[in-house]
């Protein structure tokens, strides 16, 4: 669906992504994590061809098979919700998905998009991206501004699309969002080569849980520090930690690459 090899992205004179390899197949979701300035949004822009890059990018989807959500929504402001939904219906030659609108409490009315709250506009942006059931979804901080119910609906919708054969590339600063839908995670910190991962949890883990988690991650042990738990690894293990946390009734509250 989407592959990139030896990808390099610059913003001005600064290299924000260097020597990155990606491979996303149908029914896969790749999560991109990293602090502000790590190059997550720049990478998405480069993959879509919005900004130049060096390296090789191969896409097996068309523009009509793509859905995108940006963190700043990028919706037309001076048109009504009805006009916008009618436009989408026309370009994709599909009727309105009333169930999708209901899931995110979007009313098909004459309200101008510029008068919507941030959360309302974000829900409309999500509806717009998923409107035509795309094969490839690129999502940049998609849950920003969403209430808890809408966030859960969004994550459920992502899982449904993955089960239907779609591929997802997502960035988020919310660890549980990334871990709940990603089959793999790439950390853009330290030129994409992790030496370790520091994470905190919603409750303290027992000695038995730490030993069990270390076994699953195929490492010798997990270090407990004053800032959280440190794992020395060069692999993408965050999704494994997230999956383990579900069965043990705790959540990951923060993480960073070291």
C-alpha atoms as a PDB file:
ATOM      1  CA  UNK A   1       0.000   0.000   0.000  1.00  0.00           C
ATOM      2  CA  UNK A   2       2.771   2.440   0.981  1.00  0.00           C
ATOM      3  CA  UNK A   3       6.541   1.970   1.073  1.00  0.00           C
ATOM      4  CA  UNK A   4       9.411   4.403   1.502  1.00  0.00           C
ATOM      5  CA  UNK A   5      13.117   3.690   1.524  1.00  0.00           C
ATOM      6  CA  UNK A   6      16.066   5.850   2.573  1.00  0.00           C
ATOM      7  CA  UNK A   7      13.694   8.783   2.896  1.00  0.00           C
ATOM      8  CA  UNK A   8      15.143  12.170   3.823  1.00  0.00           C
ATOM      9  CA  UNK A   9      13.042  15.241   4.513  1.00  0.00           C
ATOM     10  CA  UNK A  10      14.341  18.781   5.050  1.00  0.00           C
ATOM     11  CA  UNK A  11      12.569  21.900   6.267  1.00  0.00           C
ATOM     12  CA  UNK A  12      14.739  24.808   5.222  1.00  0.00           C
ATOM     13  CA  UNK A  13      18.341  23.894   6.027  1.00  0.00           C
ATOM     14  CA  UNK A  14      17.345  21.435   8.764  1.00  0.00           C
ATOM     15  CA  UNK A  15      17.054  17.697   8.115  1.00  0.00           C
ATOM     16  CA  UNK A  16      14.012  16.549  10.117  1.00  0.00           C
ATOM     17  CA  UNK A  17      13.818  12.955   8.827  1.00  0.00           C
ATOM     18  CA  UNK A  18      16.877  10.985   7.777  1.00  0.00           C
ATOM     19  CA  UNK A  19      17.309   7.540   6.190  1.00  0.00           C
ATOM     20  CA  UNK A  20      13.796   6.341   7.087  1.00  0.00           C
ATOM     21  CA  UNK A  21      12.270   3.118   5.768  1.00  0.00           C
ATOM     22  CA  UNK A  22       8.519   2.428   5.888  1.00  0.00           C
ATOM     23  CA  UNK A  23       6.371  -0.456   4.678  1.00  0.00           C
ATOM     24  CA  UNK A  24       2.622  -0.448   5.304  1.00  0.00           C
ATOM     25  CA  UNK A  25       0.531  -3.276   3.904  1.00  0.00           C
ATOM     26  CA  UNK A  26      -3.286  -3.736   3.853  1.00  0.00           C
ATOM     27  CA  UNK A  27      -4.778  -4.387   7.304  1.00  0.00           C
ATOM     28  CA  UNK A  28      -1.782  -2.710   8.974  1.00  0.00           C
ATOM     29  CA  UNK A  29      -1.552   0.458  11.040  1.00  0.00           C
ATOM     30  CA  UNK A  30       1.783   2.180  11.589  1.00  0.00           C
ATOM     31  CA  UNK A  31       2.050   4.674  14.432  1.00  0.00           C
ATOM     32  CA  UNK A  32       4.590   7.490  14.365  1.00  0.00           C
ATOM     33  CA  UNK A  33       5.707   8.843  17.736  1.00  0.00           C
ATOM     34  CA  UNK A  34       8.208  11.449  18.811  1.00  0.00           C
ATOM     35  CA  UNK A  35       8.319  14.884  20.452  1.00  0.00           C
ATOM     36  CA  UNK A  36       7.384  18.140  18.764  1.00  0.00           C
ATOM     37  CA  UNK A  37       9.883  18.887  16.024  1.00  0.00           C
ATOM     38  CA  UNK A  38      10.763  15.224  15.412  1.00  0.00           C
ATOM     39  CA  UNK A  39       9.421  15.474  11.861  1.00  0.00           C
ATOM     40  CA  UNK A  40       6.128  13.575  12.089  1.00  0.00           C
ATOM     41  CA  UNK A  41       3.989  16.061  10.142  1.00  0.00           C
ATOM     42  CA  UNK A  42       6.827  16.795   7.712  1.00  0.00           C
ATOM     43  CA  UNK A  43       7.080  13.095   6.975  1.00  0.00           C
ATOM     44  CA  UNK A  44       3.359  12.866   6.198  1.00  0.00           C
ATOM     45  CA  UNK A  45       3.584  15.909   3.921  1.00  0.00           C
ATOM     46  CA  UNK A  46       6.520  14.358   2.095  1.00  0.00           C
ATOM     47  CA  UNK A  47       4.737  11.030   1.663  1.00  0.00           C
ATOM     48  CA  UNK A  48       1.805  12.869   0.082  1.00  0.00           C
ATOM     49  CA  UNK A  49       4.128  14.864  -2.170  1.00  0.00           C
ATOM     50  CA  UNK A  50       3.213  18.209  -0.606  1.00  0.00           C
ATOM     51  CA  UNK A  51       6.846  18.991   0.220  1.00  0.00           C
ATOM     52  CA  UNK A  52       9.983  17.638  -1.527  1.00  0.00           C
ATOM     53  CA  UNK A  53      11.999  14.733  -0.205  1.00  0.00           C
ATOM     54  CA  UNK A  54      14.898  12.496  -1.165  1.00  0.00           C
ATOM     55  CA  UNK A  55      14.579   8.736  -1.356  1.00  0.00           C
ATOM     56  CA  UNK A  56      12.004   6.428  -2.879  1.00  0.00           C
ATOM     57  CA  UNK A  57       8.252   6.526  -2.137  1.00  0.00           C
ATOM     58  CA  UNK A  58       5.865   4.013  -3.683  1.00  0.00           C
ATOM     59  CA  UNK A  59       2.093   4.341  -3.356  1.00  0.00           C
ATOM     60  CA  UNK A  60      -0.394   1.749  -4.590  1.00  0.00           C
ATOM     61  CA  UNK A  61      -3.464   3.874  -3.830  1.00  0.00           C
ATOM     62  CA  UNK A  62      -5.076   6.672  -5.808  1.00  0.00           C
ATOM     63  CA  UNK A  63      -6.153  10.060  -4.516  1.00  0.00           C
ATOM     64  CA  UNK A  64      -9.756   8.791  -4.441  1.00  0.00           C
ATOM     65  CA  UNK A  65      -8.655   5.902  -2.202  1.00  0.00           C
ATOM     66  CA  UNK A  66      -7.000   8.234   0.315  1.00  0.00           C
ATOM     67  CA  UNK A  67      -8.400   9.842   3.453  1.00  0.00           C
ATOM     68  CA  UNK A  68      -6.445  12.463   5.428  1.00  0.00           C
ATOM     69  CA  UNK A  69      -6.993  14.188   8.773  1.00  0.00           C
ATOM     70  CA  UNK A  70      -4.626  17.038   9.682  1.00  0.00           C
ATOM     71  CA  UNK A  71      -4.265  18.372  13.199  1.00  0.00           C
ATOM     72  CA  UNK A  72      -5.383  21.826  11.985  1.00  0.00           C
ATOM     73  CA  UNK A  73      -8.432  20.265  10.214  1.00  0.00           C
ATOM     74  CA  UNK A  74      -7.975  22.094   6.864  1.00  0.00           C
ATOM     75  CA  UNK A  75     -11.684  22.491   6.173  1.00  0.00           C
ATOM     76  CA  UNK A  76     -13.280  25.261   4.098  1.00  0.00           C
ATOM     77  CA  UNK A  77     -14.487  27.799   6.636  1.00  0.00           C
ATOM     78  CA  UNK A  78     -17.074  29.896   4.822  1.00  0.00           C
ATOM     79  CA  UNK A  79     -19.351  27.104   3.625  1.00  0.00           C
ATOM     80  CA  UNK A  80     -22.122  25.291   5.456  1.00  0.00           C
ATOM     81  CA  UNK A  81     -21.935  21.729   6.714  1.00  0.00           C
ATOM     82  CA  UNK A  82     -24.645  20.762   4.213  1.00  0.00           C
ATOM     83  CA  UNK A  83     -22.737  22.286   1.292  1.00  0.00           C
ATOM     84  CA  UNK A  84     -19.553  20.529   2.303  1.00  0.00           C
ATOM     85  CA  UNK A  85     -21.215  17.128   2.693  1.00  0.00           C
ATOM     86  CA  UNK A  86     -22.999  17.594  -0.630  1.00  0.00           C
ATOM     87  CA  UNK A  87     -19.654  18.375  -2.246  1.00  0.00           C
ATOM     88  CA  UNK A  88     -18.093  15.204  -0.803  1.00  0.00           C
ATOM     89  CA  UNK A  89     -21.046  13.146  -1.969  1.00  0.00           C
ATOM     90  CA  UNK A  90     -20.592  14.534  -5.464  1.00  0.00           C
ATOM     91  CA  UNK A  91     -16.844  14.051  -5.889  1.00  0.00           C
ATOM     92  CA  UNK A  92     -16.915  10.515  -4.483  1.00  0.00           C
ATOM     93  CA  UNK A  93     -20.254   9.679  -6.136  1.00  0.00           C
ATOM     94  CA  UNK A  94     -21.562   8.240  -2.873  1.00  0.00           C
ATOM     95  CA  UNK A  95     -24.636   8.984  -0.759  1.00  0.00           C
ATOM     96  CA  UNK A  96     -24.277  10.397   2.731  1.00  0.00           C
ATOM     97  CA  UNK A  97     -23.433   7.812   5.362  1.00  0.00           C
ATOM     98  CA  UNK A  98     -26.052   8.782   7.936  1.00  0.00           C
ATOM     99  CA  UNK A  99     -24.706   6.263  10.443  1.00  0.00           C
ATOM    100  CA  UNK A 100     -21.262   7.868  10.254  1.00  0.00           C
ATOM    101  CA  UNK A 101     -22.740  11.326  10.830  1.00  0.00           C
ATOM    102  CA  UNK A 102     -24.717  10.012  13.790  1.00  0.00           C
ATOM    103  CA  UNK A 103     -21.672   8.359  15.350  1.00  0.00           C
ATOM    104  CA  UNK A 104     -19.960  11.755  15.557  1.00  0.00           C
ATOM    105  CA  UNK A 105     -23.119  13.791  16.137  1.00  0.00           C
ATOM    106  CA  UNK A 106     -22.671  15.797  12.930  1.00  0.00           C
ATOM    107  CA  UNK A 107     -25.839  17.541  11.799  1.00  0.00           C
ATOM    108  CA  UNK A 108     -26.419  18.016   8.108  1.00  0.00           C
ATOM    109  CA  UNK A 109     -27.521  21.646   8.451  1.00  0.00           C
ATOM    110  CA  UNK A 110     -26.750  25.174   7.290  1.00  0.00           C
ATOM    111  CA  UNK A 111     -24.284  25.909  10.096  1.00  0.00           C
ATOM    112  CA  UNK A 112     -21.097  27.507   8.761  1.00  0.00           C
ATOM    113  CA  UNK A 113     -17.966  25.483   9.426  1.00  0.00           C
ATOM    114  CA  UNK A 114     -16.154  28.569  10.755  1.00  0.00           C
ATOM    115  CA  UNK A 115     -18.724  28.822  13.586  1.00  0.00           C
ATOM    116  CA  UNK A 116     -18.087  25.270  14.791  1.00  0.00           C
ATOM    117  CA  UNK A 117     -16.061  24.617  17.930  1.00  0.00           C
ATOM    118  CA  UNK A 118     -12.670  22.996  17.597  1.00  0.00           C
ATOM    119  CA  UNK A 119     -14.031  19.627  18.630  1.00  0.00           C
ATOM    120  CA  UNK A 120     -16.979  19.847  16.238  1.00  0.00           C
ATOM    121  CA  UNK A 121     -14.713  20.795  13.343  1.00  0.00           C
ATOM    122  CA  UNK A 122     -12.366  17.923  14.167  1.00  0.00           C
ATOM    123  CA  UNK A 123     -15.281  15.471  14.067  1.00  0.00           C
ATOM    124  CA  UNK A 124     -16.330  16.858  10.691  1.00  0.00           C
ATOM    125  CA  UNK A 125     -12.740  16.451   9.463  1.00  0.00           C
ATOM    126  CA  UNK A 126     -12.819  12.797  10.549  1.00  0.00           C
ATOM    127  CA  UNK A 127     -16.160  12.220   8.840  1.00  0.00           C
ATOM    128  CA  UNK A 128     -14.733  13.818   5.698  1.00  0.00           C
ATOM    129  CA  UNK A 129     -11.675  11.545   5.709  1.00  0.00           C
ATOM    130  CA  UNK A 130     -13.680   8.352   6.275  1.00  0.00           C
ATOM    131  CA  UNK A 131     -16.610   9.405   4.048  1.00  0.00           C
ATOM    132  CA  UNK A 132     -15.691   7.192   1.072  1.00  0.00           C
ATOM    133  CA  UNK A 133     -14.218   4.229   3.014  1.00  0.00           C
ATOM    134  CA  UNK A 134     -10.661   4.863   1.756  1.00  0.00           C
ATOM    135  CA  UNK A 135      -8.028   2.158   1.425  1.00  0.00           C
ATOM    136  CA  UNK A 136      -5.297   4.405   2.875  1.00  0.00           C
ATOM    137  CA  UNK A 137      -5.737   6.753   5.836  1.00  0.00           C
ATOM    138  CA  UNK A 138      -3.124   9.290   6.908  1.00  0.00           C
ATOM    139  CA  UNK A 139      -3.993  10.769  10.293  1.00  0.00           C
ATOM    140  CA  UNK A 140      -2.041  13.576  11.952  1.00  0.00           C
ATOM    141  CA  UNK A 141      -3.024  14.031  15.618  1.00  0.00           C
ATOM    142  CA  UNK A 142      -6.631  13.116  14.720  1.00  0.00           C
ATOM    143  CA  UNK A 143      -8.082  13.032  18.245  1.00  0.00           C
ATOM    144  CA  UNK A 144      -7.047  16.571  19.235  1.00  0.00           C
ATOM    145  CA  UNK A 145     -10.069  18.354  20.712  1.00  0.00           C
ATOM    146  CA  UNK A 146     -12.332  15.308  20.765  1.00  0.00           C
ATOM    147  CA  UNK A 147     -14.473  14.441  23.764  1.00  0.00           C
ATOM    148  CA  UNK A 148     -14.110  10.955  25.269  1.00  0.00           C
ATOM    149  CA  UNK A 149     -17.113   9.489  23.429  1.00  0.00           C
ATOM    150  CA  UNK A 150     -15.984  10.781  20.033  1.00  0.00           C
ATOM    151  CA  UNK A 151     -12.427   9.601  20.658  1.00  0.00           C
ATOM    152  CA  UNK A 152     -13.684   6.087  21.372  1.00  0.00           C
ATOM    153  CA  UNK A 153     -15.856   6.172  18.256  1.00  0.00           C
ATOM    154  CA  UNK A 154     -12.868   7.276  16.201  1.00  0.00           C
ATOM    155  CA  UNK A 155     -10.637   4.465  17.476  1.00  0.00           C
ATOM    156  CA  UNK A 156     -13.423   1.939  16.861  1.00  0.00           C
ATOM    157  CA  UNK A 157     -13.822   3.303  13.335  1.00  0.00           C
ATOM    158  CA  UNK A 158     -10.088   2.895  12.680  1.00  0.00           C
ATOM    159  CA  UNK A 159     -10.182  -0.707  13.840  1.00  0.00           C
ATOM    160  CA  UNK A 160     -13.190  -1.361  11.591  1.00  0.00           C
ATOM    161  CA  UNK A 161     -11.390   0.053   8.561  1.00  0.00           C
ATOM    162  CA  UNK A 162      -8.268  -2.002   9.294  1.00  0.00           C
ATOM    163  CA  UNK A 163     -10.403  -5.153   9.581  1.00  0.00           C
ATOM    164  CA  UNK A 164     -11.927  -4.261   6.196  1.00  0.00           C
ATOM    165  CA  UNK A 165      -8.494  -4.189   4.584  1.00  0.00           C
ATOM    166  CA  UNK A 166      -7.478  -0.530   4.902  1.00  0.00           C
ATOM    167  CA  UNK A 167      -4.039   0.745   5.925  1.00  0.00           C
ATOM    168  CA  UNK A 168      -3.419   3.546   8.424  1.00  0.00           C
ATOM    169  CA  UNK A 169      -0.467   5.840   9.119  1.00  0.00           C
ATOM    170  CA  UNK A 170      -1.106   7.826  12.306  1.00  0.00           C
ATOM    171  CA  UNK A 171       0.717  10.299  14.547  1.00  0.00           C
ATOM    172  CA  UNK A 172      -0.403  11.106  18.073  1.00  0.00           C
ATOM    173  CA  UNK A 173       0.895  12.385  21.394  1.00  0.00           C
ATOM    174  CA  UNK A 174      -1.659  10.183  23.179  1.00  0.00           C
ATOM    175  CA  UNK A 175       0.048   6.845  23.905  1.00  0.00           C
ATOM    176  CA  UNK A 176      -3.170   4.866  24.312  1.00  0.00           C
ATOM    177  CA  UNK A 177      -4.439   6.036  20.899  1.00  0.00           C
ATOM    178  CA  UNK A 178      -1.274   4.830  19.199  1.00  0.00           C
ATOM    179  CA  UNK A 179      -1.087   1.522  21.029  1.00  0.00           C
ATOM    180  CA  UNK A 180      -4.774   0.653  20.620  1.00  0.00           C
ATOM    181  CA  UNK A 181      -4.807   0.664  16.816  1.00  0.00           C
ATOM    182  CA  UNK A 182      -1.179   0.320  15.673  1.00  0.00           C
ATOM    183  CA  UNK A 183       0.278  -2.983  14.598  1.00  0.00           C
ATOM    184  CA  UNK A 184       3.739  -1.381  14.568  1.00  0.00           C
ATOM    185  CA  UNK A 185       5.244   1.841  15.916  1.00  0.00           C
ATOM    186  CA  UNK A 186       8.208   3.868  14.649  1.00  0.00           C
ATOM    187  CA  UNK A 187       9.849   6.449  16.894  1.00  0.00           C
ATOM    188  CA  UNK A 188      11.352   9.348  14.944  1.00  0.00           C
ATOM    189  CA  UNK A 189      13.587  10.453  17.826  1.00  0.00           C
ATOM    190  CA  UNK A 190      17.338   9.943  17.543  1.00  0.00           C
ATOM    191  CA  UNK A 191      17.276   9.579  13.747  1.00  0.00           C
ATOM    192  CA  UNK A 192      14.813   6.708  13.999  1.00  0.00           C
ATOM    193  CA  UNK A 193      17.100   4.397  15.976  1.00  0.00           C
ATOM    194  CA  UNK A 194      15.888   3.863  19.531  1.00  0.00           C
ATOM    195  CA  UNK A 195      18.398   2.978  22.202  1.00  0.00           C
ATOM    196  CA  UNK A 196      15.716   2.776  24.832  1.00  0.00           C
ATOM    197  CA  UNK A 197      12.158   3.587  25.762  1.00  0.00           C
ATOM    198  CA  UNK A 198      11.007   5.260  28.967  1.00  0.00           C
ATOM    199  CA  UNK A 199       7.324   4.934  29.811  1.00  0.00           C
ATOM    200  CA  UNK A 200       4.980   5.648  32.717  1.00  0.00           C
ATOM    201  CA  UNK A 201       1.805   3.811  33.626  1.00  0.00           C
ATOM    202  CA  UNK A 202      -1.494   4.603  35.308  1.00  0.00           C
ATOM    203  CA  UNK A 203      -0.521   2.387  38.242  1.00  0.00           C
ATOM    204  CA  UNK A 204       2.641   0.790  39.596  1.00  0.00           C
ATOM    205  CA  UNK A 205       3.441  -2.561  38.018  1.00  0.00           C
ATOM    206  CA  UNK A 206       4.172  -5.566  40.192  1.00  0.00           C
ATOM    207  CA  UNK A 207       7.456  -7.456  40.047  1.00  0.00           C
ATOM    208  CA  UNK A 208       5.661 -10.370  38.397  1.00  0.00           C
ATOM    209  CA  UNK A 209       4.146  -8.081  35.726  1.00  0.00           C
ATOM    210  CA  UNK A 210       7.530  -6.535  34.940  1.00  0.00           C
ATOM    211  CA  UNK A 211       9.083  -9.975  34.593  1.00  0.00           C
ATOM    212  CA  UNK A 212       6.189 -11.125  32.397  1.00  0.00           C
ATOM    213  CA  UNK A 213       6.415  -8.010  30.218  1.00  0.00           C
ATOM    214  CA  UNK A 214      10.195  -8.403  29.859  1.00  0.00           C
ATOM    215  CA  UNK A 215       9.656 -11.956  28.647  1.00  0.00           C
ATOM    216  CA  UNK A 216       7.129 -10.808  26.055  1.00  0.00           C
ATOM    217  CA  UNK A 217       9.504  -8.076  24.837  1.00  0.00           C
ATOM    218  CA  UNK A 218      12.381 -10.599  24.680  1.00  0.00           C
ATOM    219  CA  UNK A 219      14.631  -8.517  26.933  1.00  0.00           C
ATOM    220  CA  UNK A 220      16.415  -9.462  30.145  1.00  0.00           C
ATOM    221  CA  UNK A 221      14.682  -7.029  32.482  1.00  0.00           C
ATOM    222  CA  UNK A 222      12.929  -3.672  32.846  1.00  0.00           C
ATOM    223  CA  UNK A 223      14.546  -0.951  34.921  1.00  0.00           C
ATOM    224  CA  UNK A 224      12.308   0.941  37.345  1.00  0.00           C
ATOM    225  CA  UNK A 225      13.324   4.602  37.703  1.00  0.00           C
ATOM    226  CA  UNK A 226      11.887   7.677  39.426  1.00  0.00           C
ATOM    227  CA  UNK A 227      10.567   8.809  36.027  1.00  0.00           C
ATOM    228  CA  UNK A 228       8.998   5.503  35.003  1.00  0.00           C
ATOM    229  CA  UNK A 229      10.128   2.223  33.469  1.00  0.00           C
ATOM    230  CA  UNK A 230      13.112   2.023  31.142  1.00  0.00           C
ATOM    231  CA  UNK A 231      13.539  -0.634  28.450  1.00  0.00           C
ATOM    232  CA  UNK A 232      16.865  -0.944  26.664  1.00  0.00           C
ATOM    233  CA  UNK A 233      16.043  -1.991  23.118  1.00  0.00           C
ATOM    234  CA  UNK A 234      16.465  -1.024  19.489  1.00  0.00           C
ATOM    235  CA  UNK A 235      13.137  -2.541  18.420  1.00  0.00           C
ATOM    236  CA  UNK A 236       9.625  -1.136  18.069  1.00  0.00           C
ATOM    237  CA  UNK A 237       8.069  -2.575  21.223  1.00  0.00           C
ATOM    238  CA  UNK A 238       5.505   0.064  22.144  1.00  0.00           C
ATOM    239  CA  UNK A 239       2.579  -1.764  20.533  1.00  0.00           C
ATOM    240  CA  UNK A 240       3.468  -4.894  22.489  1.00  0.00           C
ATOM    241  CA  UNK A 241       3.462  -2.922  25.731  1.00  0.00           C
ATOM    242  CA  UNK A 242       0.094  -1.403  24.840  1.00  0.00           C
ATOM    243  CA  UNK A 243      -1.448  -4.789  24.057  1.00  0.00           C
ATOM    244  CA  UNK A 244      -0.104  -6.221  27.306  1.00  0.00           C
ATOM    245  CA  UNK A 245      -1.509  -3.301  29.306  1.00  0.00           C
ATOM    246  CA  UNK A 246      -5.052  -4.031  28.128  1.00  0.00           C
ATOM    247  CA  UNK A 247      -5.025  -7.482  29.688  1.00  0.00           C
ATOM    248  CA  UNK A 248      -3.446  -6.228  32.918  1.00  0.00           C
ATOM    249  CA  UNK A 249      -5.820  -3.291  33.460  1.00  0.00           C
ATOM    250  CA  UNK A 250      -3.380  -0.386  33.234  1.00  0.00           C
ATOM    251  CA  UNK A 251      -2.654   2.241  30.602  1.00  0.00           C
ATOM    252  CA  UNK A 252       0.494   3.940  29.340  1.00  0.00           C
ATOM    253  CA  UNK A 253       0.368   7.591  30.383  1.00  0.00           C
ATOM    254  CA  UNK A 254       3.604   8.870  28.827  1.00  0.00           C
ATOM    255  CA  UNK A 255       6.623   7.701  26.872  1.00  0.00           C
ATOM    256  CA  UNK A 256       9.854   9.025  25.412  1.00  0.00           C
ATOM    257  CA  UNK A 257      12.750   7.652  23.397  1.00  0.00           C
ATOM    258  CA  UNK A 258      16.231   7.876  24.855  1.00  0.00           C
END
